[in-house]
Amino acid sequence: MKRTLIVWIVCILGGAGHAAAQWPEYTLDDPNTLNAGIGMTWIGDKSYYGMTLQPDLSIGKFGIGLNIDLLFNTETGGIRRVDWNSGYDYARMIRYLRWGKKGDTFYTRAGILDRARIGHGSLLNYYQNSLNYDGRKLGLVLDADFGRFGFETMASNLGRMEVIGGRFYVRPLHTSSIPVIRSGAVGASYVTDRDPDAHVASSDGVQAFSVDVELPLIKTDFWNVLLYADHAQIIDYGNGQAIGIGTGIDLLGGFLHFSANYERRFMGESYIPTFFGPFYEVMRYSASAELIAHYISLGGDSLGIPADVLAAPGSAPIPKHRLLPMMTSSRRGWYGGVSFDFLHLIKMIGTYEKVDDAGNSGIMHLEARLSRSIPFIALDASYDKWGIRRFGDLTTLDYRSSARLGIGYKIRPYLLLFLDYIWSFQWDESRGQYAPQERFQPRLSFSYDLGNLGL
């Protein structure tokens, strides 16, 4: 019942979304705030006393966010060892370091990647490197736009190079005086996971590349319209294409921002779009039965399951790309997204994608945040789900879900009663796969606007 209620709250508050690639990406971070708290945390059937410190600082284009989370066992008083059992755990105290924002001439971010994208997202879109909450990774994004050419790059884990990718693009007619033509670009992208089964010593990586073209029909300070087309290939498997249009409107210097995009997809055999998607981190090496269910939901055929996978137990983990042959026929589908920002007080992001004639192929991403300047309440919510057939599928949490909900009541402008609920994943050594993990964290939280200090 508790899980169902949490999902209903997230769905109601998160029902809007994001836009097309190559435009500035929204961040849900609150710059120049100091957040701290004390309270309780329940992880599964274990309880802990908790202390947190989460400052967000922004000076010009530079920003930094930290996450210092100390959990003490209520029975022994000892600190939770899994949080601090390696030097890399201390590096993960850096939630992010950034310079600029997505879409700027130069942009970089190190830390947690919640919505990484390469190009228009045909290969990698809304990728998250922190679905395993205890194993959050220190990733990197680095983009530069020199006018005539530019690039985008990302790495999921600087401690162990895993998912890495990039896009290089050129604007062949950048020196032209014609406004629309001079902004047209041609690009090429490459993404690889060097070793999907990170918990096993082997080498069975997967690689994909794409080529694309984009043409901004309208590009002004307050209105953008972009047309784009992609061709993507998963090496040694299949390929697919996408044609999309997106628009963004920014009124009165940030009073209202709205953006939306729609993409039509054409998928060949042994291919799925956005192979490196929101759930890739836990699907890259998972139980074959779970992956088979995922591919069937996307229109796959069990007749395409490799013989060695059929012969193994359903709990045996395999890399995600091994089941691409299940896509035995060509398919079509669509992808859409919207975003909404009102006075920087309410920000919402959402995307949905579906394969035609595949009833439970829906995949959804939602985010919502209220600015800390709003009186009385605080809110931060996100929700991802695959295998959606009907609206009722959104109301429960299972192995197809990822959710976070933080909601608080402001006793004073700087003092909150806050509740965090996190549904993420942890690596189960006994079964050799990821399993859902539930966290419940009520606390008394202190939040102060550092902008009052002139930062």
Protein backbone atom coordinates (compact mmCIF):
# COMPACT_ATOMS: atom_id res chain seq x y z
CA MET A 1 0.00 0.00 0.00
CA LYS A 2 2.83 2.41 0.89
CA ARG A 3 4.54 1.77 -2.46
CA THR A 4 1.30 2.39 -4.38
CA LEU A 5 0.68 5.68 -2.54
CA ILE A 6 4.22 6.89 -3.24
CA VAL A 7 3.81 6.18 -6.97
CA TRP A 8 0.47 8.01 -7.14
CA ILE A 9 2.05 11.10 -5.55
CA VAL A 10 5.01 11.02 -7.95
CA CYS A 11 2.77 10.56 -11.00
CA ILE A 12 0.44 13.41 -10.03
CA LEU A 13 3.28 15.83 -9.30
CA GLY A 14 5.57 14.75 -12.11
CA GLY A 15 3.24 14.81 -15.08
CA ALA A 16 5.15 17.03 -17.50
CA GLY A 17 8.45 16.89 -19.27
CA HIS A 18 11.57 17.59 -21.35
CA ALA A 19 12.48 18.61 -24.88
CA ALA A 20 14.66 17.86 -27.85
CA ALA A 21 18.41 17.43 -27.86
CA GLN A 22 20.93 20.21 -28.40
CA TRP A 23 18.93 22.71 -26.36
CA PRO A 24 19.82 23.80 -22.83
CA GLU A 25 19.11 21.04 -20.35
CA TYR A 26 17.24 21.85 -17.19
CA THR A 27 18.86 21.14 -13.88
CA LEU A 28 16.73 20.50 -10.83
CA ASP A 29 19.54 21.57 -8.50
CA ASP A 30 18.89 24.59 -6.28
CA PRO A 31 22.02 26.79 -6.50
CA ASN A 32 23.36 28.49 -3.40
CA THR A 33 21.56 26.52 -0.72
CA LEU A 34 22.82 24.69 2.34
CA ASN A 35 20.78 21.63 3.28
CA ALA A 36 21.44 19.53 6.37
CA GLY A 37 19.40 17.13 8.43
CA ILE A 38 19.15 14.51 11.16
CA GLY A 39 16.68 11.65 11.32
CA MET A 40 16.08 7.97 10.73
CA THR A 41 16.65 5.76 7.70
CA TRP A 42 15.16 2.35 6.96
CA ILE A 43 16.88 0.23 4.29
CA GLY A 44 14.99 -3.02 3.86
CA ASP A 45 14.51 -4.36 7.40
CA LYS A 46 17.43 -2.45 8.96
CA SER A 47 17.23 0.93 10.67
CA TYR A 48 19.86 3.67 11.04
CA TYR A 49 20.29 7.07 12.61
CA GLY A 50 21.15 9.51 9.84
CA MET A 51 23.02 12.79 9.44
CA THR A 52 23.19 14.55 6.06
CA LEU A 53 24.92 17.63 4.67
CA GLN A 54 24.07 18.71 1.10
CA PRO A 55 25.34 22.17 0.08
CA ASP A 56 24.76 23.51 -3.44
CA LEU A 57 26.98 26.44 -4.42
CA SER A 58 26.99 28.45 -7.63
CA ILE A 59 29.44 31.26 -8.44
CA GLY A 60 29.03 32.48 -12.00
CA LYS A 61 29.18 29.46 -14.29
CA PHE A 62 30.79 27.26 -11.62
CA GLY A 63 28.64 25.03 -9.45
CA ILE A 64 29.28 22.35 -6.85
CA GLY A 65 26.99 20.04 -4.91
CA LEU A 66 28.05 17.72 -2.10
CA ASN A 67 26.28 14.77 -0.47
CA ILE A 68 27.69 13.73 2.90
CA ASP A 69 25.38 11.04 4.29
CA LEU A 70 26.32 9.30 7.56
CA LEU A 71 24.25 6.32 8.70
CA PHE A 72 24.71 4.68 12.13
CA ASN A 73 23.22 1.27 12.95
CA THR A 74 20.55 1.67 15.65
CA GLU A 75 21.61 -1.62 17.31
CA THR A 76 25.41 -1.41 17.26
CA GLY A 77 25.99 2.32 16.85
CA GLY A 78 28.51 1.56 14.10
CA ILE A 79 28.62 3.43 10.82
CA ARG A 80 27.15 1.62 7.80
CA ARG A 81 30.30 0.11 6.28
CA VAL A 82 29.04 -0.35 2.73
CA ASP A 83 28.93 3.46 2.42
CA TRP A 84 32.63 3.92 3.24
CA ASN A 85 34.50 0.72 2.37
CA SER A 86 36.67 2.13 -0.44
CA GLY A 87 38.50 5.31 -1.39
CA TYR A 88 36.01 5.78 -4.23
CA ASP A 89 33.20 6.14 -1.67
CA TYR A 90 34.82 9.36 -0.46
CA ALA A 91 34.97 10.73 -4.02
CA ARG A 92 31.22 10.08 -4.30
CA MET A 93 30.63 12.76 -1.66
CA ILE A 94 30.84 15.10 -4.67
CA ARG A 95 27.29 15.00 -6.03
CA TYR A 96 28.39 17.18 -8.91
CA LEU A 97 30.95 19.71 -10.09
CA ARG A 98 29.93 21.71 -13.14
CA TRP A 99 30.87 24.62 -15.37
CA GLY A 100 28.06 26.15 -17.42
CA LYS A 101 24.89 24.39 -18.52
CA LYS A 102 24.01 21.95 -21.28
CA GLY A 103 23.84 23.95 -24.51
CA ASP A 104 26.47 26.53 -23.48
CA THR A 105 29.60 27.09 -25.57
CA PHE A 106 31.50 25.07 -22.96
CA TYR A 107 29.87 22.73 -20.45
CA THR A 108 31.23 20.08 -18.13
CA ARG A 109 29.83 18.16 -15.21
CA ALA A 110 31.41 15.52 -12.98
CA GLY A 111 29.45 13.42 -10.50
CA ILE A 112 25.99 11.88 -10.60
CA LEU A 113 24.51 11.80 -14.12
CA ASP A 114 20.71 11.79 -13.93
CA ARG A 115 19.81 12.55 -17.54
CA ALA A 116 22.87 12.17 -19.76
CA ARG A 117 22.25 12.38 -23.51
CA ILE A 118 24.40 12.09 -26.64
CA GLY A 119 23.07 13.95 -29.69
CA HIS A 120 19.35 13.43 -30.19
CA GLY A 121 19.27 10.36 -27.94
CA SER A 122 19.12 7.61 -30.57
CA LEU A 123 21.92 5.75 -28.76
CA LEU A 124 22.01 7.23 -25.25
CA ASN A 125 19.17 9.21 -23.69
CA TYR A 126 18.29 9.97 -20.06
CA TYR A 127 21.00 7.59 -18.96
CA GLN A 128 21.45 7.41 -15.15
CA ASN A 129 24.61 6.21 -13.45
CA SER A 130 23.10 6.18 -9.94
CA LEU A 131 20.26 3.62 -10.06
CA ASN A 132 22.31 1.52 -7.62
CA TYR A 133 22.08 3.98 -4.71
CA ASP A 134 24.84 2.34 -2.67
CA GLY A 135 27.08 2.17 -5.75
CA ARG A 136 26.59 5.70 -7.09
CA LYS A 137 29.27 6.51 -9.64
CA LEU A 138 31.38 9.53 -10.41
CA GLY A 139 30.70 10.24 -14.08
CA LEU A 140 31.77 12.99 -16.47
CA VAL A 141 30.14 15.06 -19.22
CA LEU A 142 32.23 17.42 -21.39
CA ASP A 143 30.78 19.48 -24.27
CA ALA A 144 32.21 22.29 -26.39
CA ASP A 145 30.74 24.28 -29.30
CA PHE A 146 33.21 26.26 -31.42
CA GLY A 147 30.62 27.48 -33.91
CA ARG A 148 31.82 25.71 -37.02
CA PHE A 149 32.18 22.41 -35.15
CA GLY A 150 31.77 20.94 -31.67
CA PHE A 151 31.55 17.79 -29.60
CA GLU A 152 29.69 16.10 -26.72
CA THR A 153 31.25 13.41 -24.53
CA MET A 154 30.30 11.37 -21.46
CA ALA A 155 31.75 8.66 -19.21
CA SER A 156 29.57 6.85 -16.69
CA ASN A 157 32.28 5.94 -14.18
CA LEU A 158 35.67 7.62 -13.79
CA GLY A 159 36.69 4.95 -11.29
CA ARG A 160 36.26 2.20 -13.89
CA MET A 161 35.69 3.21 -17.50
CA GLU A 162 32.40 1.52 -18.41
CA VAL A 163 29.82 3.31 -20.56
CA ILE A 164 31.59 5.97 -22.61
CA GLY A 165 30.47 7.87 -25.69
CA GLY A 166 30.63 11.03 -27.71
CA ARG A 167 29.35 12.97 -30.70
CA PHE A 168 31.31 15.16 -33.10
CA TYR A 169 29.40 17.56 -35.35
CA VAL A 170 30.17 20.17 -37.98
CA ARG A 171 28.22 23.06 -39.46
CA PRO A 172 29.46 23.08 -43.07
CA LEU A 173 27.82 26.40 -43.97
CA HIS A 174 28.49 28.20 -40.70
CA THR A 175 30.05 31.18 -42.51
CA SER A 176 26.98 31.65 -44.70
CA SER A 177 24.83 34.74 -44.22
CA ILE A 178 21.60 32.72 -44.49
CA PRO A 179 20.28 32.31 -40.88
CA VAL A 180 18.69 28.86 -41.16
CA ILE A 181 21.27 27.21 -43.41
CA ARG A 182 24.27 28.42 -41.40
CA SER A 183 23.05 26.58 -38.27
CA GLY A 184 22.51 23.22 -39.98
CA ALA A 185 24.76 20.47 -38.61
CA VAL A 186 25.90 16.97 -39.49
CA GLY A 187 27.10 14.70 -36.70
CA ALA A 188 28.42 11.25 -35.86
CA SER A 189 28.13 9.51 -32.47
CA TYR A 190 29.68 6.48 -30.82
CA VAL A 191 28.77 4.81 -27.52
CA THR A 192 30.19 1.64 -25.97
CA ASP A 193 29.95 -0.36 -22.79
CA ARG A 194 33.39 -1.90 -22.50
CA ASP A 195 32.39 -4.61 -20.01
CA PRO A 196 28.67 -4.92 -19.16
CA ASP A 197 29.16 -7.68 -16.57
CA ALA A 198 31.18 -5.45 -14.27
CA HIS A 199 31.02 -8.03 -11.48
CA VAL A 200 32.60 -10.79 -13.58
CA ALA A 201 36.11 -10.85 -15.08
CA SER A 202 35.39 -11.05 -18.82
CA SER A 203 35.32 -8.98 -21.97
CA ASP A 204 32.00 -8.89 -23.82
CA GLY A 205 31.43 -5.25 -24.64
CA VAL A 206 28.81 -3.74 -26.93
CA GLN A 207 29.29 -0.86 -29.37
CA ALA A 208 26.93 1.38 -31.33
CA PHE A 209 27.29 4.36 -33.66
CA SER A 210 24.98 6.81 -35.40
CA VAL A 211 25.01 9.59 -37.98
CA ASP A 212 22.61 12.51 -37.90
CA VAL A 213 21.60 15.75 -39.51
CA GLU A 214 19.77 18.67 -37.90
CA LEU A 215 18.32 21.93 -39.22
CA PRO A 216 17.07 24.73 -36.93
CA LEU A 217 14.12 26.22 -38.80
CA ILE A 218 13.75 29.00 -36.23
CA LYS A 219 16.42 30.11 -33.78
CA THR A 220 15.78 33.27 -31.78
CA ASP A 221 16.21 34.33 -28.16
CA PHE A 222 12.67 33.26 -27.31
CA TRP A 223 11.67 30.59 -29.88
CA ASN A 224 13.43 27.57 -31.38
CA VAL A 225 12.24 24.98 -33.89
CA LEU A 226 14.52 22.10 -34.84
CA LEU A 227 14.21 19.30 -37.40
CA TYR A 228 16.52 16.28 -37.15
CA ALA A 229 17.06 12.78 -38.51
CA ASP A 230 19.24 9.94 -37.19
CA HIS A 231 20.49 6.58 -38.45
CA ALA A 232 21.83 4.28 -35.70
CA GLN A 233 23.61 0.92 -35.81
CA ILE A 234 24.37 -1.49 -32.96
CA ILE A 235 27.56 -3.16 -34.18
CA ASP A 236 27.11 -6.87 -35.02
CA TYR A 237 23.34 -6.46 -34.66
CA GLY A 238 20.71 -4.25 -36.35
CA ASN A 239 19.93 -0.64 -37.17
CA GLY A 240 17.13 1.90 -37.09
CA GLN A 241 16.18 5.47 -38.01
CA ALA A 242 14.39 8.38 -36.34
CA ILE A 243 12.89 11.63 -37.65
CA GLY A 244 11.99 14.32 -35.13
CA ILE A 245 10.84 17.89 -34.58
CA GLY A 246 11.18 19.96 -31.45
CA THR A 247 10.26 23.44 -30.29
CA GLY A 248 11.12 25.60 -27.30
CA ILE A 249 9.56 28.87 -26.13
CA ASP A 250 11.15 31.17 -23.54
CA LEU A 251 9.02 34.18 -22.61
CA LEU A 252 9.91 37.39 -20.78
CA GLY A 253 13.39 36.39 -19.70
CA GLY A 254 12.44 33.19 -17.92
CA PHE A 255 8.85 34.00 -16.91
CA LEU A 256 7.73 30.88 -18.74
CA HIS A 257 9.65 28.20 -20.57
CA PHE A 258 7.91 25.42 -22.47
CA SER A 259 9.46 22.93 -24.85
CA ALA A 260 8.28 19.79 -26.61
CA ASN A 261 9.44 17.32 -29.20
CA TYR A 262 8.05 14.38 -31.14
CA GLU A 263 10.04 11.66 -32.84
CA ARG A 264 8.93 8.92 -35.24
CA ARG A 265 11.05 5.76 -35.08
CA PHE A 266 11.72 3.01 -37.60
CA MET A 267 13.38 -0.08 -36.09
CA GLY A 268 14.97 -2.94 -37.99
CA GLU A 269 15.67 -6.49 -36.85
CA SER A 270 18.03 -7.00 -33.87
CA TYR A 271 17.71 -3.33 -32.92
CA ILE A 272 16.05 -1.22 -30.24
CA PRO A 273 16.33 2.59 -30.03
CA THR A 274 18.09 4.30 -27.12
CA PHE A 275 19.89 1.07 -26.20
CA PHE A 276 21.66 2.99 -23.43
CA GLY A 277 18.53 4.34 -21.75
CA PRO A 278 17.32 5.24 -18.24
CA PHE A 279 17.42 1.62 -16.96
CA TYR A 280 20.61 0.57 -18.72
CA GLU A 281 22.70 0.62 -15.55
CA VAL A 282 20.72 -2.29 -14.04
CA MET A 283 19.87 -4.01 -17.33
CA ARG A 284 23.37 -4.09 -18.78
CA TYR A 285 23.94 -7.38 -16.95
CA SER A 286 20.79 -8.89 -15.51
CA ALA A 287 18.78 -12.11 -15.12
CA SER A 288 17.89 -13.55 -18.52
CA ALA A 289 14.21 -13.96 -17.53
CA GLU A 290 13.97 -10.25 -16.70
CA LEU A 291 15.66 -9.21 -19.95
CA ILE A 292 13.48 -11.60 -21.99
CA ALA A 293 10.37 -9.97 -20.46
CA HIS A 294 11.75 -6.54 -21.40
CA TYR A 295 12.43 -7.50 -25.03
CA ILE A 296 9.04 -9.19 -25.40
CA SER A 297 7.39 -5.98 -24.12
CA LEU A 298 9.13 -4.12 -26.98
CA GLY A 299 7.74 -6.50 -29.61
CA GLY A 300 10.41 -9.22 -29.41
CA ASP A 301 9.85 -12.89 -30.26
CA SER A 302 10.91 -15.71 -27.94
CA LEU A 303 11.93 -17.68 -31.06
CA GLY A 304 14.94 -15.37 -31.32
CA ILE A 305 16.37 -16.28 -27.91
CA PRO A 306 19.88 -17.73 -28.36
CA ALA A 307 20.11 -21.47 -27.65
CA ASP A 308 22.63 -21.11 -24.80
CA VAL A 309 20.35 -18.61 -23.04
CA LEU A 310 17.37 -20.95 -23.37
CA ALA A 311 19.38 -23.78 -21.85
CA ALA A 312 20.43 -21.72 -18.80
CA PRO A 313 18.24 -20.99 -15.73
CA GLY A 314 16.11 -17.85 -15.94
CA SER A 315 18.02 -16.41 -12.98
CA ALA A 316 21.35 -16.66 -14.83
CA PRO A 317 22.62 -13.12 -15.61
CA ILE A 318 23.60 -12.18 -19.16
CA PRO A 319 24.54 -8.91 -20.94
CA LYS A 320 21.61 -6.98 -22.38
CA HIS A 321 22.87 -7.06 -25.98
CA ARG A 322 22.86 -10.89 -26.09
CA LEU A 323 19.07 -10.83 -26.52
CA LEU A 324 18.90 -8.34 -29.39
CA PRO A 325 18.23 -11.26 -31.82
CA MET A 326 14.78 -11.49 -30.16
CA MET A 327 13.80 -8.49 -32.30
CA THR A 328 13.02 -10.72 -35.32
CA SER A 329 11.00 -8.20 -37.33
CA SER A 330 10.91 -4.53 -38.24
CA ARG A 331 8.79 -2.27 -36.04
CA ARG A 332 7.73 1.35 -35.77
CA GLY A 333 7.23 3.53 -32.73
CA TRP A 334 7.26 7.04 -31.35
CA TYR A 335 8.85 9.16 -28.65
CA GLY A 336 7.61 12.41 -27.13
CA GLY A 337 8.68 14.78 -24.40
CA VAL A 338 7.71 18.09 -22.82
CA SER A 339 9.17 20.43 -20.21
CA PHE A 340 7.68 23.28 -18.23
CA ASP A 341 9.28 25.98 -16.08
CA PHE A 342 7.20 28.75 -14.50
CA LEU A 343 9.18 31.60 -12.92
CA HIS A 344 11.80 29.04 -11.84
CA LEU A 345 9.31 28.10 -9.11
CA ILE A 346 7.86 24.94 -10.64
CA LYS A 347 9.92 22.73 -12.97
CA MET A 348 8.59 19.58 -14.61
CA ILE A 349 10.13 17.13 -17.07
CA GLY A 350 8.58 14.10 -18.75
CA THR A 351 9.06 11.71 -21.67
CA TYR A 352 7.13 8.74 -23.01
CA GLU A 353 7.97 6.25 -25.76
CA LYS A 354 6.09 3.30 -27.26
CA VAL A 355 6.35 0.69 -30.00
CA ASP A 356 3.35 0.43 -32.34
CA ASP A 357 1.24 -2.71 -31.82
CA ALA A 358 3.23 -3.74 -28.72
CA GLY A 359 0.74 -3.29 -25.90
CA ASN A 360 3.07 -3.09 -22.91
CA SER A 361 6.00 -1.31 -24.57
CA GLY A 362 5.49 2.04 -22.81
CA ILE A 363 8.54 3.62 -21.12
CA MET A 364 8.10 6.78 -19.05
CA HIS A 365 10.34 9.29 -17.28
CA LEU A 366 8.97 12.00 -14.96
CA GLU A 367 10.56 14.68 -12.77
CA ALA A 368 9.16 17.58 -10.76
CA ARG A 369 10.56 20.11 -8.32
CA LEU A 370 9.26 23.10 -6.41
CA SER A 371 11.67 25.95 -5.75
CA ARG A 372 12.85 26.25 -2.17
CA SER A 373 11.57 29.85 -2.23
CA ILE A 374 7.96 28.62 -2.21
CA PRO A 375 6.52 28.89 1.34
CA PHE A 376 5.27 26.01 3.52
CA ILE A 377 6.15 23.00 1.33
CA ALA A 378 9.14 21.44 -0.43
CA LEU A 379 9.03 18.81 -3.17
CA ASP A 380 11.45 16.84 -5.32
CA ALA A 381 10.16 13.81 -7.25
CA SER A 382 11.26 11.52 -10.08
CA TYR A 383 9.85 8.31 -11.53
CA ASP A 384 10.88 5.88 -14.28
CA LYS A 385 8.94 2.84 -15.49
CA TRP A 386 9.11 0.39 -18.39
CA GLY A 387 6.63 -2.27 -19.50
CA ILE A 388 3.63 0.08 -19.35
CA ARG A 389 0.40 -1.23 -20.90
CA ARG A 390 -2.24 0.79 -19.05
CA PHE A 391 -2.41 3.62 -16.54
CA GLY A 392 -2.73 1.15 -13.68
CA ASP A 393 0.80 -0.10 -14.41
CA LEU A 394 2.11 3.23 -13.12
CA THR A 395 0.69 2.81 -9.63
CA THR A 396 3.02 0.10 -8.27
CA LEU A 397 6.76 -0.24 -7.79
CA ASP A 398 8.59 -3.38 -8.93
CA TYR A 399 11.75 -4.42 -10.78
CA ARG A 400 10.60 -2.27 -13.73
CA SER A 401 10.56 0.91 -11.63
CA SER A 402 12.82 3.57 -10.19
CA ALA A 403 11.39 6.33 -7.97
CA ARG A 404 12.42 9.08 -5.60
CA LEU A 405 10.10 11.33 -3.61
CA GLY A 406 11.14 14.03 -1.18
CA ILE A 407 8.40 16.06 0.43
CA GLY A 408 8.59 18.45 3.37
CA TYR A 409 6.71 20.95 5.52
CA LYS A 410 8.45 24.20 6.42
CA ILE A 411 8.18 24.88 10.14
CA ARG A 412 10.25 27.98 9.45
CA PRO A 413 11.60 29.22 6.09
CA TYR A 414 14.88 27.47 6.95
CA LEU A 415 13.58 24.48 9.01
CA LEU A 416 11.69 21.56 7.48
CA LEU A 417 10.14 18.29 8.48
CA PHE A 418 11.24 16.23 5.47
CA LEU A 419 10.60 12.71 4.18
CA ASP A 420 12.69 10.97 1.52
CA TYR A 421 11.49 7.80 -0.17
CA ILE A 422 13.87 6.07 -2.61
CA TRP A 423 13.16 2.98 -4.70
CA SER A 424 16.42 2.04 -6.39
CA PHE A 425 18.55 -1.08 -6.90
CA GLN A 426 21.38 -2.96 -5.21
CA TRP A 427 23.67 -5.72 -6.45
CA ASP A 428 22.66 -9.11 -5.02
CA GLU A 429 25.83 -11.21 -4.81
CA SER A 430 23.97 -14.44 -4.07
CA ARG A 431 21.82 -14.21 -7.22
CA GLY A 432 24.32 -12.34 -9.39
CA GLN A 433 21.86 -9.62 -10.38
CA TYR A 434 20.34 -6.32 -9.30
CA ALA A 435 17.35 -6.36 -6.94
CA PRO A 436 15.05 -3.49 -5.85
CA GLN A 437 16.05 -1.62 -2.69
CA GLU A 438 13.65 0.50 -0.64
CA ARG A 439 14.75 3.45 1.52
CA PHE A 440 12.53 5.45 3.87
CA GLN A 441 14.17 8.52 5.45
CA PRO A 442 12.21 10.94 7.71
CA ARG A 443 14.33 13.76 9.12
CA LEU A 444 14.43 17.26 10.51
CA SER A 445 16.12 19.32 7.80
CA PHE A 446 17.82 22.71 7.78
CA SER A 447 17.84 24.64 4.48
CA TYR A 448 19.37 28.08 4.06
CA ASP A 449 19.64 30.28 0.98
CA LEU A 450 23.34 31.10 0.65
CA GLY A 451 22.43 33.81 -1.82
CA ASN A 452 21.75 35.89 1.29
CA LEU A 453 25.51 35.77 1.87
CA GLY A 454 26.19 37.31 -1.54
CA LEU A 455 27.37 34.10 -3.27
